[in-house]
Protein backbone atom coordinates (compact mmCIF):
# COMPACT_ATOMS: atom_id res chain seq x y z
CA MET A 1 26.84 57.57 -28.65
CA SER A 2 23.83 58.46 -26.47
CA LEU A 3 23.71 61.58 -24.34
CA ARG A 4 23.69 59.31 -21.28
CA TRP A 5 27.25 58.20 -22.01
CA HIS A 6 28.43 61.70 -22.85
CA LEU A 7 27.15 62.75 -19.44
CA LEU A 8 28.98 59.89 -17.73
CA LEU A 9 32.37 60.15 -19.43
CA GLY A 10 33.63 62.56 -16.81
CA ILE A 11 32.71 60.40 -13.84
CA PRO A 12 35.98 58.40 -13.61
CA LEU A 13 37.96 61.65 -13.45
CA LEU A 14 35.63 63.00 -10.78
CA CYS A 15 35.96 59.76 -8.83
CA SER A 16 39.74 59.95 -8.81
CA ALA A 17 39.47 63.47 -7.43
CA TRP A 18 36.92 62.60 -4.76
CA LEU A 19 38.17 59.26 -3.50
CA GLY A 20 40.99 59.30 -1.04
CA ALA A 21 42.38 56.51 1.12
CA PRO A 22 39.85 53.80 2.06
CA ALA A 23 38.05 54.36 5.34
CA GLN A 24 39.02 52.27 8.32
CA ALA A 25 36.36 49.95 9.72
CA ASP A 26 33.86 51.91 11.84
CA GLU A 27 35.29 55.25 10.61
CA VAL A 28 31.95 56.71 9.60
CA MET A 29 30.09 55.57 12.71
CA ASP A 30 32.95 56.66 14.98
CA GLY A 31 32.85 60.09 13.38
CA ILE A 32 29.09 60.37 13.87
CA ARG A 33 29.38 59.35 17.51
CA ALA A 34 32.25 61.76 18.11
CA ARG A 35 30.35 64.77 16.76
CA GLY A 36 27.05 63.59 18.26
CA GLU A 37 24.98 63.95 15.08
CA LEU A 38 24.33 62.37 11.71
CA ARG A 39 24.93 64.62 8.70
CA CYS A 40 22.24 63.72 6.19
CA GLY A 41 22.06 65.10 2.66
CA VAL A 42 18.51 65.87 1.51
CA SER A 43 16.79 67.81 -1.27
CA GLU A 44 16.36 71.55 -1.36
CA GLY A 45 12.64 71.01 -0.86
CA ILE A 46 10.50 68.25 -2.37
CA PRO A 47 7.18 67.69 -0.52
CA GLY A 48 6.79 64.16 0.78
CA PHE A 49 10.52 63.45 0.52
CA SER A 50 12.37 66.25 2.26
CA GLU A 51 11.28 69.83 2.86
CA GLN A 52 11.20 72.25 5.77
CA ASP A 53 7.84 73.19 7.27
CA ALA A 54 6.91 76.64 8.50
CA ALA A 55 8.68 75.98 11.79
CA GLY A 56 11.88 74.93 10.04
CA ARG A 57 11.49 71.21 10.77
CA TRP A 58 12.44 68.81 7.98
CA ARG A 59 9.56 66.58 6.87
CA GLY A 60 9.29 63.71 4.39
CA ILE A 61 10.12 60.05 3.94
CA ASP A 62 13.82 60.77 3.32
CA ALA A 63 14.04 63.05 6.34
CA ASP A 64 12.31 60.48 8.54
CA PHE A 65 14.68 57.77 7.33
CA CYS A 66 17.60 59.94 8.43
CA ARG A 67 15.96 60.14 11.86
CA ALA A 68 15.55 56.36 12.00
CA VAL A 69 19.28 55.89 11.32
CA ALA A 70 20.19 58.48 13.95
CA ALA A 71 17.93 56.76 16.46
CA ALA A 72 19.51 53.37 15.73
CA LEU A 73 23.08 54.61 16.05
CA LEU A 74 22.87 57.48 18.54
CA GLY A 75 19.68 56.67 20.45
CA ASP A 76 18.12 60.02 19.50
CA ALA A 77 16.18 60.63 16.30
CA GLU A 78 16.69 64.39 16.58
CA LYS A 79 20.47 64.23 16.35
CA VAL A 80 20.46 64.90 12.61
CA ALA A 81 22.03 67.80 10.73
CA PHE A 82 20.11 68.10 7.46
CA VAL A 83 22.17 69.36 4.52
CA PRO A 84 20.07 70.51 1.52
CA LEU A 85 21.72 69.62 -1.80
CA ARG A 86 21.05 69.99 -5.50
CA ALA A 87 21.07 66.85 -7.65
CA SER A 88 24.32 67.97 -9.26
CA THR A 89 26.11 68.45 -5.93
CA ARG A 90 24.84 65.46 -3.93
CA PHE A 91 27.54 62.95 -4.92
CA PRO A 92 30.43 65.42 -4.57
CA ALA A 93 29.14 66.24 -1.07
CA LEU A 94 29.06 62.55 -0.16
CA MET A 95 32.52 61.78 -1.50
CA ALA A 96 34.01 64.90 0.08
CA ARG A 97 32.65 63.66 3.45
CA ARG A 98 30.46 66.72 3.94
CA ILE A 99 27.65 64.26 4.69
CA ASP A 100 27.54 60.75 6.16
CA LEU A 101 24.38 59.64 4.40
CA LEU A 102 22.62 60.80 1.25
CA ALA A 103 18.83 60.46 1.47
CA ARG A 104 17.69 62.57 -1.45
CA ASN A 105 15.30 60.60 -3.74
CA THR A 106 18.33 59.18 -5.56
CA SER A 107 18.10 56.41 -8.18
CA TRP A 108 20.20 53.26 -7.80
CA THR A 109 22.14 52.57 -11.00
CA LEU A 110 25.06 50.33 -11.91
CA THR A 111 27.02 53.28 -13.29
CA ARG A 112 26.74 55.23 -10.08
CA GLU A 113 27.58 52.25 -7.89
CA ALA A 114 30.57 51.12 -9.97
CA LEU A 115 32.11 54.38 -11.16
CA LEU A 116 31.37 56.59 -8.16
CA GLN A 117 32.20 53.70 -5.80
CA VAL A 118 29.13 54.29 -3.66
CA GLN A 119 26.67 51.83 -2.17
CA PHE A 120 22.88 51.85 -2.32
CA PRO A 121 22.03 49.82 0.80
CA ALA A 122 18.37 49.22 -0.10
CA VAL A 123 15.37 50.71 -1.91
CA LEU A 124 13.22 53.11 0.08
CA PHE A 125 10.77 53.97 -2.72
CA TYR A 126 10.09 52.45 -6.15
CA ASP A 127 9.16 54.98 -8.82
CA GLY A 128 9.42 55.68 -12.55
CA GLN A 129 10.15 58.69 -14.75
CA ALA A 130 7.01 60.53 -15.84
CA PHE A 131 5.95 63.76 -17.56
CA MET A 132 3.72 66.60 -16.39
CA VAL A 133 1.92 69.07 -18.65
CA ALA A 134 -0.67 71.80 -18.29
CA ARG A 135 -4.21 70.41 -18.39
CA SER A 136 -5.17 73.20 -20.78
CA SER A 137 -2.69 71.86 -23.37
CA GLY A 138 -4.97 68.94 -24.16
CA ILE A 139 -1.97 66.60 -24.19
CA GLY A 140 -2.94 63.15 -22.96
CA ARG A 141 0.00 60.93 -23.89
CA LEU A 142 3.67 61.14 -24.73
CA ALA A 143 3.09 60.74 -28.45
CA ASP A 144 1.35 64.14 -28.35
CA LEU A 145 4.65 65.74 -27.31
CA ARG A 146 6.41 65.17 -30.62
CA GLU A 147 8.28 68.50 -30.79
CA ALA A 148 7.92 69.73 -27.24
CA SER A 149 10.36 71.57 -25.02
CA VAL A 150 10.90 69.55 -21.84
CA CYS A 151 12.31 70.83 -18.54
CA VAL A 152 14.68 68.44 -16.76
CA VAL A 153 17.02 68.72 -13.77
CA LYS A 154 20.75 68.59 -14.41
CA GLY A 155 22.70 65.69 -12.92
CA THR A 156 19.78 63.24 -12.76
CA THR A 157 19.03 59.95 -14.51
CA HIS A 158 16.10 61.77 -16.11
CA GLU A 159 18.40 63.77 -18.38
CA GLY A 160 19.87 60.71 -20.09
CA ASN A 161 16.56 58.82 -20.09
CA LEU A 162 14.88 61.75 -21.83
CA ALA A 163 17.43 61.83 -24.65
CA ASP A 164 17.41 58.06 -25.13
CA TYR A 165 13.61 57.80 -25.23
CA ALA A 166 13.31 60.65 -27.73
CA ARG A 167 15.95 59.08 -29.99
CA ILE A 168 14.41 55.60 -29.90
CA HIS A 169 10.88 56.86 -30.57
CA GLY A 170 11.76 59.56 -33.11
CA LEU A 171 10.59 62.47 -30.98
CA ALA A 172 12.11 65.92 -31.56
CA TRP A 173 12.12 66.98 -27.94
CA GLN A 174 14.09 70.05 -26.93
CA PRO A 175 15.46 69.60 -23.38
CA LEU A 176 15.78 72.63 -21.15
CA VAL A 177 18.36 71.48 -18.58
CA ILE A 178 18.24 73.40 -15.30
CA ASP A 179 20.38 72.96 -12.20
CA SER A 180 17.76 72.52 -9.48
CA SER A 181 14.22 71.24 -8.96
CA LEU A 182 13.08 74.59 -7.61
CA ALA A 183 14.41 76.40 -10.69
CA VAL A 184 12.79 73.81 -12.98
CA ALA A 185 9.45 74.36 -11.25
CA GLU A 186 9.76 78.09 -11.75
CA ALA A 187 10.59 77.66 -15.45
CA PHE A 188 7.79 75.16 -16.06
CA TYR A 189 5.08 77.19 -14.34
CA ALA A 190 6.31 80.30 -16.22
CA GLY A 191 5.67 78.47 -19.52
CA ARG A 192 9.31 78.16 -20.61
CA CYS A 193 8.75 74.46 -21.42
CA GLN A 194 5.68 72.44 -22.39
CA ALA A 195 6.47 69.47 -20.17
CA TRP A 196 8.44 68.66 -17.03
CA THR A 197 10.02 65.23 -16.61
CA ALA A 198 11.06 63.72 -13.28
CA ASP A 199 10.08 60.86 -10.99
CA ALA A 200 6.29 60.55 -10.90
CA ALA A 201 6.13 61.10 -7.15
CA GLN A 202 8.34 64.16 -7.39
CA LEU A 203 6.06 65.65 -10.04
CA ALA A 204 3.04 64.95 -7.84
CA ALA A 205 4.83 66.64 -4.96
CA MET A 206 5.91 69.73 -6.88
CA ARG A 207 2.46 70.02 -8.46
CA LEU A 208 1.19 71.01 -5.02
CA ARG A 209 3.09 74.27 -5.44
CA ALA A 210 1.55 75.10 -8.82
CA PRO A 211 0.24 78.66 -9.17
CA GLY A 212 -3.51 78.44 -9.34
CA GLY A 213 -3.58 74.93 -7.92
CA ALA A 214 -2.52 71.37 -8.68
CA GLN A 215 -5.72 70.72 -10.64
CA ASP A 216 -4.35 72.78 -13.56
CA PHE A 217 -1.65 70.19 -14.32
CA VAL A 218 -1.74 66.52 -15.23
CA ILE A 219 0.86 63.75 -15.00
CA LEU A 220 0.81 61.61 -18.15
CA PRO A 221 0.26 57.86 -17.62
CA GLU A 222 3.45 56.58 -19.31
CA ARG A 223 6.62 55.75 -17.37
CA ILE A 224 9.84 55.64 -19.38
CA SER A 225 12.19 54.18 -16.76
CA LYS A 226 12.56 52.28 -13.51
CA GLU A 227 13.67 54.52 -10.65
CA PRO A 228 14.52 52.59 -7.46
CA LEU A 229 15.16 55.39 -4.98
CA GLY A 230 17.09 54.92 -1.77
CA PRO A 231 19.80 56.05 0.61
CA VAL A 232 23.42 56.24 -0.56
CA VAL A 233 26.69 55.88 1.35
CA ARG A 234 30.33 55.84 0.34
CA GLY A 235 31.58 52.42 -0.63
CA ASP A 236 34.52 52.34 1.76
CA ASP A 237 32.84 51.36 5.05
CA PRO A 238 30.86 48.09 4.82
CA GLN A 239 29.76 48.19 8.45
CA TRP A 240 28.10 51.57 7.97
CA THR A 241 26.48 50.33 4.76
CA ARG A 242 25.15 47.29 6.63
CA LEU A 243 23.63 49.37 9.43
CA VAL A 244 21.88 51.76 7.03
CA ARG A 245 20.57 48.80 5.00
CA TRP A 246 19.17 47.01 8.02
CA VAL A 247 17.59 50.10 9.54
CA LEU A 248 15.45 50.23 6.41
CA TYR A 249 14.75 46.50 6.50
CA VAL A 250 13.81 46.65 10.18
CA LEU A 251 11.13 49.22 9.32
CA VAL A 252 9.77 46.83 6.69
CA LEU A 253 10.09 43.88 9.08
CA ALA A 254 8.09 45.80 11.67
CA GLU A 255 5.25 46.34 9.19
CA GLU A 256 5.31 42.66 8.21
CA HIS A 257 4.80 41.73 11.88
CA GLY A 258 2.24 44.40 12.72
CA LEU A 259 4.58 46.44 14.90
CA THR A 260 3.87 50.17 14.95
CA GLN A 261 5.34 53.21 16.62
CA ALA A 262 2.52 53.03 19.17
CA ASN A 263 2.68 49.32 20.03
CA VAL A 264 6.28 48.29 19.45
CA GLU A 265 7.27 48.55 23.11
CA SER A 266 4.58 46.16 24.29
CA LYS A 267 3.95 43.89 21.31
CA VAL A 268 7.61 43.13 20.56
CA ARG A 269 7.79 41.05 23.74
CA GLU A 270 5.46 38.52 22.08
CA PHE A 271 8.03 37.59 19.44
CA GLY A 272 10.55 34.79 19.70
CA GLY A 273 13.14 33.33 17.35
CA PRO A 274 15.64 35.45 15.42
CA THR A 275 13.14 38.25 14.78
CA GLY A 276 12.27 38.49 18.47
CA SER A 277 15.93 38.43 19.49
CA LEU A 278 16.74 41.24 17.05
CA LEU A 279 13.82 43.48 17.96
CA ASN A 280 14.09 42.82 21.69
CA GLY A 281 17.79 43.65 21.70
CA GLN A 282 18.75 40.19 22.95
CA ASP A 283 21.26 39.32 20.20
CA VAL A 284 24.30 41.08 21.61
CA ARG A 285 26.72 39.32 19.28
CA LEU A 286 24.82 40.49 16.20
CA ALA A 287 24.61 44.03 17.56
CA GLN A 288 28.36 44.11 18.08
CA ALA A 289 28.89 42.95 14.51
CA MET A 290 26.61 45.78 13.38
CA GLY A 291 28.60 48.31 15.42
CA ALA A 292 25.50 49.31 17.35
CA GLN A 293 23.84 48.96 20.74
CA PRO A 294 21.66 45.85 21.29
CA ASP A 295 18.43 47.88 21.09
CA TRP A 296 19.30 49.63 17.79
CA ALA A 297 16.42 48.02 15.88
CA ILE A 298 13.60 48.92 18.28
CA ARG A 299 15.03 52.43 18.54
CA ALA A 300 14.44 52.93 14.81
CA VAL A 301 10.82 51.73 14.92
CA ARG A 302 10.12 53.68 18.10
CA ALA A 303 11.40 56.84 16.42
CA VAL A 304 9.52 56.80 13.10
CA GLY A 305 7.19 53.79 13.05
CA ASN A 306 7.17 50.98 10.52
CA TYR A 307 7.60 51.39 6.77
CA GLY A 308 3.87 51.63 6.15
CA GLU A 309 3.55 54.44 8.70
CA LEU A 310 6.53 56.19 7.15
CA TYR A 311 4.91 55.95 3.71
CA GLU A 312 1.35 56.91 4.63
CA ARG A 313 2.14 60.06 6.60
CA ASN A 314 4.61 61.40 4.02
CA LEU A 315 3.34 60.18 0.64
CA GLY A 316 0.11 58.24 1.16
CA ALA A 317 -3.41 58.74 2.46
CA ALA A 318 -2.36 60.75 5.51
CA SER A 319 -0.37 63.21 3.37
CA PRO A 320 -1.45 65.92 0.90
CA LEU A 321 -0.02 63.77 -1.93
CA HIS A 322 -2.29 60.70 -1.61
CA ILE A 323 0.05 58.57 -3.74
CA GLU A 324 -1.03 54.94 -4.00
CA ARG A 325 1.60 52.57 -2.61
CA GLY A 326 1.68 50.43 -5.74
CA LEU A 327 5.08 48.72 -5.98
CA ASN A 328 5.85 49.99 -2.48
CA ARG A 329 3.29 47.67 -0.89
CA LEU A 330 4.56 44.73 1.10
CA TRP A 331 5.26 41.63 -0.97
CA SER A 332 2.29 39.94 0.71
CA ASP A 333 0.05 42.68 -0.73
CA GLY A 334 1.43 42.46 -4.26
CA GLY A 335 4.28 44.94 -3.88
CA LEU A 336 8.07 44.68 -3.90
CA MET A 337 8.81 45.50 -0.27
CA TYR A 338 10.07 42.73 1.98
CA ALA A 339 12.85 42.27 4.49
CA PRO A 340 15.45 39.49 4.05
CA PRO A 341 15.47 36.83 6.77
CA ILE A 342 17.44 37.41 9.96
CA ASP A 343 18.94 33.90 9.96
């Protein structure tokens, strides 16, 4: 039996402890409205995804997505309470209702969806599991790591993927499993392991904090998994799931139609048909079915911009990371991002 399944055997027991009575329709959104803020679970600090700047403001694509949801539901992108979580505590926090939405570079898997009874409304960022090593090691590919010690964060898909890949390829890797990304970074840069495995974008982000500079470390070219990262909600409120899903798709839809944070107010008036009705707030019946105000969609774009803007300022050319969009390009540009039709 692979390590992956040993790690997952306890999930059904955890689920039975976490899951109480099913939520009533609108329960999550009613709770958010009543308290006047969205409680959003984020990382403890991963550049480009979710981290606090010097002024204490949360930055990153996950943090901005939380703001887009708050804008859509509450009309104010700043009505977000950010809750930093470790990978190992993120699902317990969600199921215990400490947070309404988990936006913490979390991979969508069948096991998580089925056994934890959560929903992954949509994919915010497509990535893959990679490895980082010191440039001075001379290691240029995974095959060079035959008997290496590898740092990995506890409670992630990376832990099981690491064990499975080593077994299949006959590699005698020694995993050093640590409970948080920040602690893994400390261990790796202190030389306690020869390699660090995580999502490629996360490695690129944490490399920025390397003592002596990012140039001293290299991310190997191989990817050993698919990691579709996105927001997560509990599986007991389909209306809340639907709103979160379509906030993300509206940001993609806006990019497809050339709508930006700067021009959405004026340019949206040019659109007709179902897309125009949605973005102009004219489809009252649809808004009621979504549990939101008629202008929920334009609120989201007005707050954070379209998906391309969200990507570029946090992960792309306008950020310190300069990560190519790759699979995260629009479908029309050879990527995987597109919004389903409105009608």
